[in-house]
Amino acid sequence: MLILLLNVSLKFSTVRLLFIPVYWGTFSVALFSLGEEISQYFIPSRTFDLLDLVADAGGILTFTLITWCLAFWLVRRTPK
């Protein structure tokens, strides 16, 4: 949900990563999630779990797709 809110608030702006446009909201949440999951490996009271990382990736992909559909729908609805 955070990805969708960030992408809408950033007006669907993108950054190019290896010639692929990626929404800023998606990029920032993915980077944060990856950093947070990796940091759990180094904190004794936390545990690193690969399934958590897979679940994060699933949510990131799902809400990025929803963002893309919303942006596409808004562009089509905008009167010319």
PDB file of N, CA and C in Angstrom:
ATOM      1  N   MET A   1       0.829  -1.187   0.000  1.00  0.00           N
ATOM      2  CA  MET A   1       0.000   0.000   0.000  1.00  0.00           C
ATOM      3  C   MET A   1       0.877   1.255   0.000  1.00  0.00           C
ATOM      4  N   LEU A   2       1.991   1.177   0.725  1.00  0.00           N
ATOM      5  CA  LEU A   2       2.907   2.314   0.773  1.00  0.00           C
ATOM      6  C   LEU A   2       3.425   2.655  -0.617  1.00  0.00           C
ATOM      7  N   ILE A   3       3.691   1.641  -1.414  1.00  0.00           N
ATOM      8  CA  ILE A   3       4.181   1.879  -2.779  1.00  0.00           C
ATOM      9  C   ILE A   3       3.153   2.653  -3.584  1.00  0.00           C
ATOM     10  N   LEU A   4       1.911   2.246  -3.519  1.00  0.00           N
ATOM     11  CA  LEU A   4       0.856   2.924  -4.265  1.00  0.00           C
ATOM     12  C   LEU A   4       0.723   4.379  -3.814  1.00  0.00           C
ATOM     13  N   LEU A   5       0.716   4.614  -2.512  1.00  0.00           N
ATOM     14  CA  LEU A   5       0.588   5.980  -2.001  1.00  0.00           C
ATOM     15  C   LEU A   5       1.785   6.849  -2.401  1.00  0.00           C
ATOM     16  N   LEU A   6       2.980   6.287  -2.309  1.00  0.00           N
ATOM     17  CA  LEU A   6       4.168   7.052  -2.711  1.00  0.00           C
ATOM     18  C   LEU A   6       4.166   7.358  -4.200  1.00  0.00           C
ATOM     19  N   ASN A   7       3.848   6.369  -5.021  1.00  0.00           N
ATOM     20  CA  ASN A   7       3.847   6.595  -6.460  1.00  0.00           C
ATOM     21  C   ASN A   7       2.816   7.638  -6.880  1.00  0.00           C
ATOM     22  N   VAL A   8       1.652   7.597  -6.268  1.00  0.00           N
ATOM     23  CA  VAL A   8       0.627   8.607  -6.590  1.00  0.00           C
ATOM     24  C   VAL A   8       1.068   9.978  -6.104  1.00  0.00           C
ATOM     25  N   SER A   9       1.597  10.058  -4.886  1.00  0.00           N
ATOM     26  CA  SER A   9       2.016  11.359  -4.349  1.00  0.00           C
ATOM     27  C   SER A   9       3.205  11.930  -5.119  1.00  0.00           C
ATOM     28  N   LEU A  10       4.029  11.066  -5.696  1.00  0.00           N
ATOM     29  CA  LEU A  10       5.160  11.528  -6.518  1.00  0.00           C
ATOM     30  C   LEU A  10       4.770  11.686  -7.986  1.00  0.00           C
ATOM     31  N   LYS A  11       3.471  11.624  -8.253  1.00  0.00           N
ATOM     32  CA  LYS A  11       2.903  11.810  -9.594  1.00  0.00           C
ATOM     33  C   LYS A  11       3.494  10.849 -10.612  1.00  0.00           C
ATOM     34  N   PHE A  12       3.652   9.605 -10.181  1.00  0.00           N
ATOM     35  CA  PHE A  12       4.106   8.513 -11.046  1.00  0.00           C
ATOM     36  C   PHE A  12       5.473   8.781 -11.679  1.00  0.00           C
ATOM     37  N   SER A  13       6.328   9.534 -10.991  1.00  0.00           N
ATOM     38  CA  SER A  13       7.661   9.820 -11.537  1.00  0.00           C
ATOM     39  C   SER A  13       8.527   8.568 -11.480  1.00  0.00           C
ATOM     40  N   THR A  14       9.434   8.467 -12.444  1.00  0.00           N
ATOM     41  CA  THR A  14      10.261   7.270 -12.575  1.00  0.00           C
ATOM     42  C   THR A  14      11.741   7.621 -12.575  1.00  0.00           C
ATOM     43  N   VAL A  15      12.536   6.592 -12.355  1.00  0.00           N
ATOM     44  CA  VAL A  15      13.984   6.660 -12.464  1.00  0.00           C
ATOM     45  C   VAL A  15      14.379   5.508 -13.383  1.00  0.00           C
ATOM     46  N   ARG A  16      15.421   5.698 -14.174  1.00  0.00           N
ATOM     47  CA  ARG A  16      15.865   4.627 -15.075  1.00  0.00           C
ATOM     48  C   ARG A  16      16.941   3.786 -14.398  1.00  0.00           C
ATOM     49  N   LEU A  17      16.694   2.483 -14.323  1.00  0.00           N
ATOM     50  CA  LEU A  17      17.663   1.527 -13.806  1.00  0.00           C
ATOM     51  C   LEU A  17      17.945   0.519 -14.917  1.00  0.00           C
ATOM     52  N   LEU A  18      19.169   0.563 -15.428  1.00  0.00           N
ATOM     53  CA  LEU A  18      19.541  -0.315 -16.542  1.00  0.00           C
ATOM     54  C   LEU A  18      18.552  -0.196 -17.698  1.00  0.00           C
ATOM     55  N   PHE A  19      18.219   1.007 -18.059  1.00  0.00           N
ATOM     56  CA  PHE A  19      17.331   1.327 -19.179  1.00  0.00           C
ATOM     57  C   PHE A  19      15.879   0.932 -18.943  1.00  0.00           C
ATOM     58  N   ILE A  20      15.535   0.593 -17.715  1.00  0.00           N
ATOM     59  CA  ILE A  20      14.161   0.229 -17.379  1.00  0.00           C
ATOM     60  C   ILE A  20      13.591   1.304 -16.462  1.00  0.00           C
ATOM     61  N   PRO A  21      12.462   1.925 -16.843  1.00  0.00           N
ATOM     62  CA  PRO A  21      11.871   2.921 -15.943  1.00  0.00           C
ATOM     63  C   PRO A  21      11.222   2.238 -14.732  1.00  0.00           C
ATOM     64  N   VAL A  22      11.568   2.730 -13.539  1.00  0.00           N
ATOM     65  CA  VAL A  22      11.027   2.198 -12.283  1.00  0.00           C
ATOM     66  C   VAL A  22      10.445   3.378 -11.511  1.00  0.00           C
ATOM     67  N   TYR A  23       9.243   3.184 -10.974  1.00  0.00           N
ATOM     68  CA  TYR A  23       8.639   4.245 -10.183  1.00  0.00           C
ATOM     69  C   TYR A  23       9.501   4.544  -8.963  1.00  0.00           C
ATOM     70  N   TRP A  24       9.603   5.835  -8.615  1.00  0.00           N
ATOM     71  CA  TRP A  24      10.401   6.238  -7.452  1.00  0.00           C
ATOM     72  C   TRP A  24       9.876   5.599  -6.173  1.00  0.00           C
ATOM     73  N   GLY A  25       8.572   5.554  -6.016  1.00  0.00           N
ATOM     74  CA  GLY A  25       7.990   4.945  -4.823  1.00  0.00           C
ATOM     75  C   GLY A  25       8.348   3.474  -4.712  1.00  0.00           C
ATOM     76  N   THR A  26       8.284   2.769  -5.812  1.00  0.00           N
ATOM     77  CA  THR A  26       8.646   1.356  -5.845  1.00  0.00           C
ATOM     78  C   THR A  26      10.118   1.179  -5.500  1.00  0.00           C
ATOM     79  N   PHE A  27      10.967   1.995  -6.108  1.00  0.00           N
ATOM     80  CA  PHE A  27      12.405   1.911  -5.878  1.00  0.00           C
ATOM     81  C   PHE A  27      12.744   2.154  -4.411  1.00  0.00           C
ATOM     82  N   SER A  28      12.157   3.192  -3.830  1.00  0.00           N
ATOM     83  CA  SER A  28      12.495   3.535  -2.451  1.00  0.00           C
ATOM     84  C   SER A  28      11.990   2.483  -1.461  1.00  0.00           C
ATOM     85  N   VAL A  29      10.780   1.975  -1.654  1.00  0.00           N
ATOM     86  CA  VAL A  29      10.255   0.951  -0.745  1.00  0.00           C
ATOM     87  C   VAL A  29      11.018  -0.365  -0.910  1.00  0.00           C
ATOM     88  N   ALA A  30      11.374  -0.718  -2.133  1.00  0.00           N
ATOM     89  CA  ALA A  30      12.148  -1.942  -2.359  1.00  0.00           C
ATOM     90  C   ALA A  30      13.520  -1.842  -1.698  1.00  0.00           C
ATOM     91  N   LEU A  31      14.153  -0.686  -1.833  1.00  0.00           N
ATOM     92  CA  LEU A  31      15.460  -0.495  -1.218  1.00  0.00           C
ATOM     93  C   LEU A  31      15.358  -0.554   0.309  1.00  0.00           C
ATOM     94  N   PHE A  32      14.346   0.083   0.851  1.00  0.00           N
ATOM     95  CA  PHE A  32      14.139   0.047   2.301  1.00  0.00           C
ATOM     96  C   PHE A  32      13.856  -1.375   2.787  1.00  0.00           C
ATOM     97  N   SER A  33      12.983  -2.092   2.089  1.00  0.00           N
ATOM     98  CA  SER A  33      12.632  -3.457   2.488  1.00  0.00           C
ATOM     99  C   SER A  33      13.839  -4.376   2.447  1.00  0.00           C
ATOM    100  N   LEU A  34      14.624  -4.257   1.404  1.00  0.00           N
ATOM    101  CA  LEU A  34      15.821  -5.079   1.281  1.00  0.00           C
ATOM    102  C   LEU A  34      16.808  -4.772   2.407  1.00  0.00           C
ATOM    103  N   GLY A  35      17.020  -3.499   2.671  1.00  0.00           N
ATOM    104  CA  GLY A  35      17.919  -3.104   3.755  1.00  0.00           C
ATOM    105  C   GLY A  35      17.435  -3.575   5.107  1.00  0.00           C
ATOM    106  N   GLU A  36      16.141  -3.484   5.333  1.00  0.00           N
ATOM    107  CA  GLU A  36      15.565  -3.900   6.609  1.00  0.00           C
ATOM    108  C   GLU A  36      15.685  -5.403   6.798  1.00  0.00           C
ATOM    109  N   GLU A  37      15.437  -6.168   5.760  1.00  0.00           N
ATOM    110  CA  GLU A  37      15.551  -7.628   5.863  1.00  0.00           C
ATOM    111  C   GLU A  37      17.000  -8.059   6.058  1.00  0.00           C
ATOM    112  N   ILE A  38      17.922  -7.431   5.360  1.00  0.00           N
ATOM    113  CA  ILE A  38      19.337  -7.769   5.509  1.00  0.00           C
ATOM    114  C   ILE A  38      19.838  -7.383   6.892  1.00  0.00           C
ATOM    115  N   SER A  39      19.374  -6.252   7.415  1.00  0.00           N
ATOM    116  CA  SER A  39      19.825  -5.815   8.742  1.00  0.00           C
ATOM    117  C   SER A  39      19.399  -6.797   9.829  1.00  0.00           C
ATOM    118  N   GLN A  40      18.320  -7.535   9.613  1.00  0.00           N
ATOM    119  CA  GLN A  40      17.865  -8.508  10.611  1.00  0.00           C
ATOM    120  C   GLN A  40      18.875  -9.629  10.811  1.00  0.00           C
ATOM    121  N   TYR A  41      19.684  -9.882   9.809  1.00  0.00           N
ATOM    122  CA  TYR A  41      20.713 -10.914   9.922  1.00  0.00           C
ATOM    123  C   TYR A  41      21.744 -10.542  10.984  1.00  0.00           C
ATOM    124  N   PHE A  42      21.987  -9.238  11.149  1.00  0.00           N
ATOM    125  CA  PHE A  42      23.032  -8.764  12.058  1.00  0.00           C
ATOM    126  C   PHE A  42      22.519  -8.389  13.443  1.00  0.00           C
ATOM    127  N   ILE A  43      21.222  -8.433  13.668  1.00  0.00           N
ATOM    128  CA  ILE A  43      20.639  -8.092  14.963  1.00  0.00           C
ATOM    129  C   ILE A  43      20.286  -9.395  15.681  1.00  0.00           C
ATOM    130  N   PRO A  44      20.897  -9.648  16.851  1.00  0.00           N
ATOM    131  CA  PRO A  44      20.700 -10.939  17.538  1.00  0.00           C
ATOM    132  C   PRO A  44      19.243 -11.255  17.879  1.00  0.00           C
ATOM    133  N   SER A  45      18.447 -10.248  18.203  1.00  0.00           N
ATOM    134  CA  SER A  45      17.064 -10.513  18.597  1.00  0.00           C
ATOM    135  C   SER A  45      16.125 -10.681  17.406  1.00  0.00           C
ATOM    136  N   ARG A  46      16.627 -10.520  16.204  1.00  0.00           N
ATOM    137  CA  ARG A  46      15.814 -10.668  14.984  1.00  0.00           C
ATOM    138  C   ARG A  46      16.352 -11.835  14.172  1.00  0.00           C
ATOM    139  N   THR A  47      15.541 -12.329  13.255  1.00  0.00           N
ATOM    140  CA  THR A  47      15.995 -13.422  12.394  1.00  0.00           C
ATOM    141  C   THR A  47      15.747 -13.067  10.937  1.00  0.00           C
ATOM    142  N   PHE A  48      16.722 -13.378  10.114  1.00  0.00           N
ATOM    143  CA  PHE A  48      16.584 -13.202   8.674  1.00  0.00           C
ATOM    144  C   PHE A  48      15.802 -14.384   8.127  1.00  0.00           C
ATOM    145  N   ASP A  49      14.790 -14.090   7.315  1.00  0.00           N
ATOM    146  CA  ASP A  49      13.979 -15.153   6.731  1.00  0.00           C
ATOM    147  C   ASP A  49      13.794 -14.866   5.249  1.00  0.00           C
ATOM    148  N   LEU A  50      14.209 -15.800   4.424  1.00  0.00           N
ATOM    149  CA  LEU A  50      14.097 -15.630   2.982  1.00  0.00           C
ATOM    150  C   LEU A  50      12.641 -15.524   2.544  1.00  0.00           C
ATOM    151  N   LEU A  51      11.742 -16.200   3.248  1.00  0.00           N
ATOM    152  CA  LEU A  51      10.319 -16.112   2.901  1.00  0.00           C
ATOM    153  C   LEU A  51       9.770 -14.703   3.137  1.00  0.00           C
ATOM    154  N   ASP A  52      10.279 -13.999   4.133  1.00  0.00           N
ATOM    155  CA  ASP A  52       9.883 -12.598   4.337  1.00  0.00           C
ATOM    156  C   ASP A  52      10.302 -11.755   3.135  1.00  0.00           C
ATOM    157  N   LEU A  53      11.488 -12.015   2.629  1.00  0.00           N
ATOM    158  CA  LEU A  53      11.979 -11.290   1.465  1.00  0.00           C
ATOM    159  C   LEU A  53      11.129 -11.597   0.234  1.00  0.00           C
ATOM    160  N   VAL A  54      10.727 -12.844   0.083  1.00  0.00           N
ATOM    161  CA  VAL A  54       9.855 -13.238  -1.033  1.00  0.00           C
ATOM    162  C   VAL A  54       8.486 -12.572  -0.885  1.00  0.00           C
ATOM    163  N   ALA A  55       7.962 -12.525   0.327  1.00  0.00           N
ATOM    164  CA  ALA A  55       6.679 -11.866   0.567  1.00  0.00           C
ATOM    165  C   ALA A  55       6.772 -10.369   0.271  1.00  0.00           C
ATOM    166  N   ASP A  56       7.865  -9.739   0.665  1.00  0.00           N
ATOM    167  CA  ASP A  56       8.088  -8.327   0.341  1.00  0.00           C
ATOM    168  C   ASP A  56       8.099  -8.120  -1.172  1.00  0.00           C
ATOM    169  N   ALA A  57       8.806  -8.994  -1.875  1.00  0.00           N
ATOM    170  CA  ALA A  57       8.891  -8.876  -3.340  1.00  0.00           C
ATOM    171  C   ALA A  57       7.515  -9.054  -3.975  1.00  0.00           C
ATOM    172  N   GLY A  58       6.718  -9.974  -3.443  1.00  0.00           N
ATOM    173  CA  GLY A  58       5.363 -10.168  -3.971  1.00  0.00           C
ATOM    174  C   GLY A  58       4.491  -8.931  -3.791  1.00  0.00           C
ATOM    175  N   GLY A  59       4.576  -8.323  -2.625  1.00  0.00           N
ATOM    176  CA  GLY A  59       3.812  -7.091  -2.376  1.00  0.00           C
ATOM    177  C   GLY A  59       4.301  -5.947  -3.237  1.00  0.00           C
ATOM    178  N   ILE A  60       5.604  -5.857  -3.407  1.00  0.00           N
ATOM    179  CA  ILE A  60       6.181  -4.801  -4.239  1.00  0.00           C
ATOM    180  C   ILE A  60       5.707  -4.958  -5.676  1.00  0.00           C
ATOM    181  N   LEU A  61       5.761  -6.171  -6.195  1.00  0.00           N
ATOM    182  CA  LEU A  61       5.322  -6.405  -7.573  1.00  0.00           C
ATOM    183  C   LEU A  61       3.822  -6.166  -7.744  1.00  0.00           C
ATOM    184  N   THR A  62       3.037  -6.611  -6.777  1.00  0.00           N
ATOM    185  CA  THR A  62       1.588  -6.435  -6.850  1.00  0.00           C
ATOM    186  C   THR A  62       1.203  -4.958  -6.889  1.00  0.00           C
ATOM    187  N   PHE A  63       1.741  -4.181  -5.961  1.00  0.00           N
ATOM    188  CA  PHE A  63       1.350  -2.774  -5.907  1.00  0.00           C
ATOM    189  C   PHE A  63       2.016  -1.936  -6.989  1.00  0.00           C
ATOM    190  N   THR A  64       3.132  -2.403  -7.534  1.00  0.00           N
ATOM    191  CA  THR A  64       3.696  -1.727  -8.698  1.00  0.00           C
ATOM    192  C   THR A  64       2.793  -1.942  -9.906  1.00  0.00           C
ATOM    193  N   LEU A  65       2.271  -3.147 -10.058  1.00  0.00           N
ATOM    194  CA  LEU A  65       1.332  -3.422 -11.143  1.00  0.00           C
ATOM    195  C   LEU A  65       0.053  -2.600 -10.984  1.00  0.00           C
ATOM    196  N   ILE A  66      -0.454  -2.499  -9.773  1.00  0.00           N
ATOM    197  CA  ILE A  66      -1.642  -1.676  -9.517  1.00  0.00           C
ATOM    198  C   ILE A  66      -1.346  -0.217  -9.846  1.00  0.00           C
ATOM    199  N   THR A  67      -0.162   0.257  -9.475  1.00  0.00           N
ATOM    200  CA  THR A  67       0.241   1.624  -9.805  1.00  0.00           C
ATOM    201  C   THR A  67       0.273   1.826 -11.306  1.00  0.00           C
ATOM    202  N   TRP A  68       0.871   0.875 -12.023  1.00  0.00           N
ATOM    203  CA  TRP A  68       0.960   0.991 -13.473  1.00  0.00           C
ATOM    204  C   TRP A  68      -0.431   1.034 -14.103  1.00  0.00           C
ATOM    205  N   CYS A  69      -1.346   0.173 -13.639  1.00  0.00           N
ATOM    206  CA  CYS A  69      -2.721   0.168 -14.159  1.00  0.00           C
ATOM    207  C   CYS A  69      -3.426   1.486 -13.860  1.00  0.00           C
ATOM    208  N   LEU A  70      -3.253   2.009 -12.661  1.00  0.00           N
ATOM    209  CA  LEU A  70      -3.867   3.283 -12.296  1.00  0.00           C
ATOM    210  C   LEU A  70      -3.325   4.420 -13.153  1.00  0.00           C
ATOM    211  N   ALA A  71      -2.022   4.462 -13.352  1.00  0.00           N
ATOM    212  CA  ALA A  71      -1.426   5.506 -14.181  1.00  0.00           C
ATOM    213  C   ALA A  71      -1.931   5.402 -15.612  1.00  0.00           C
ATOM    214  N   PHE A  72      -2.004   4.190 -16.139  1.00  0.00           N
ATOM    215  CA  PHE A  72      -2.510   3.971 -17.494  1.00  0.00           C
ATOM    216  C   PHE A  72      -3.961   4.421 -17.602  1.00  0.00           C
ATOM    217  N   TRP A  73      -4.780   4.073 -16.608  1.00  0.00           N
ATOM    218  CA  TRP A  73      -6.195   4.446 -16.607  1.00  0.00           C
ATOM    219  C   TRP A  73      -6.363   5.966 -16.524  1.00  0.00           C
ATOM    220  N   LEU A  74      -5.551   6.620 -15.697  1.00  0.00           N
ATOM    221  CA  LEU A  74      -5.652   8.076 -15.569  1.00  0.00           C
ATOM    222  C   LEU A  74      -5.241   8.791 -16.856  1.00  0.00           C
ATOM    223  N   VAL A  75      -4.243   8.256 -17.543  1.00  0.00           N
ATOM    224  CA  VAL A  75      -3.817   8.865 -18.805  1.00  0.00           C
ATOM    225  C   VAL A  75      -4.920   8.715 -19.856  1.00  0.00           C
ATOM    226  N   ARG A  76      -5.573   7.580 -19.893  1.00  0.00           N
ATOM    227  CA  ARG A  76      -6.643   7.346 -20.866  1.00  0.00           C
ATOM    228  C   ARG A  76      -7.865   8.197 -20.565  1.00  0.00           C
ATOM    229  N   ARG A  77      -8.122   8.502 -19.295  1.00  0.00           N
ATOM    230  CA  ARG A  77      -9.297   9.299 -18.918  1.00  0.00           C
ATOM    231  C   ARG A  77      -9.090  10.789 -19.094  1.00  0.00           C
ATOM    232  N   THR A  78      -7.810  11.209 -19.161  1.00  0.00           N
ATOM    233  CA  THR A  78      -7.527  12.630 -19.296  1.00  0.00           C
ATOM    234  C   THR A  78      -7.989  13.114 -20.658  1.00  0.00           C
ATOM    235  N   PRO A  79      -8.852  14.136 -20.677  1.00  0.00           N
ATOM    236  CA  PRO A  79      -9.313  14.664 -21.966  1.00  0.00           C
ATOM    237  C   PRO A  79      -8.168  15.331 -22.734  1.00  0.00           C
ATOM    238  N   LYS A  80      -8.213  15.161 -24.032  1.00  0.00           N
ATOM    239  CA  LYS A  80      -7.156  15.745 -24.874  1.00  0.00           C
ATOM    240  C   LYS A  80      -7.551  17.071 -25.444  1.00  0.00           C
TER     241      LYS A  80
END
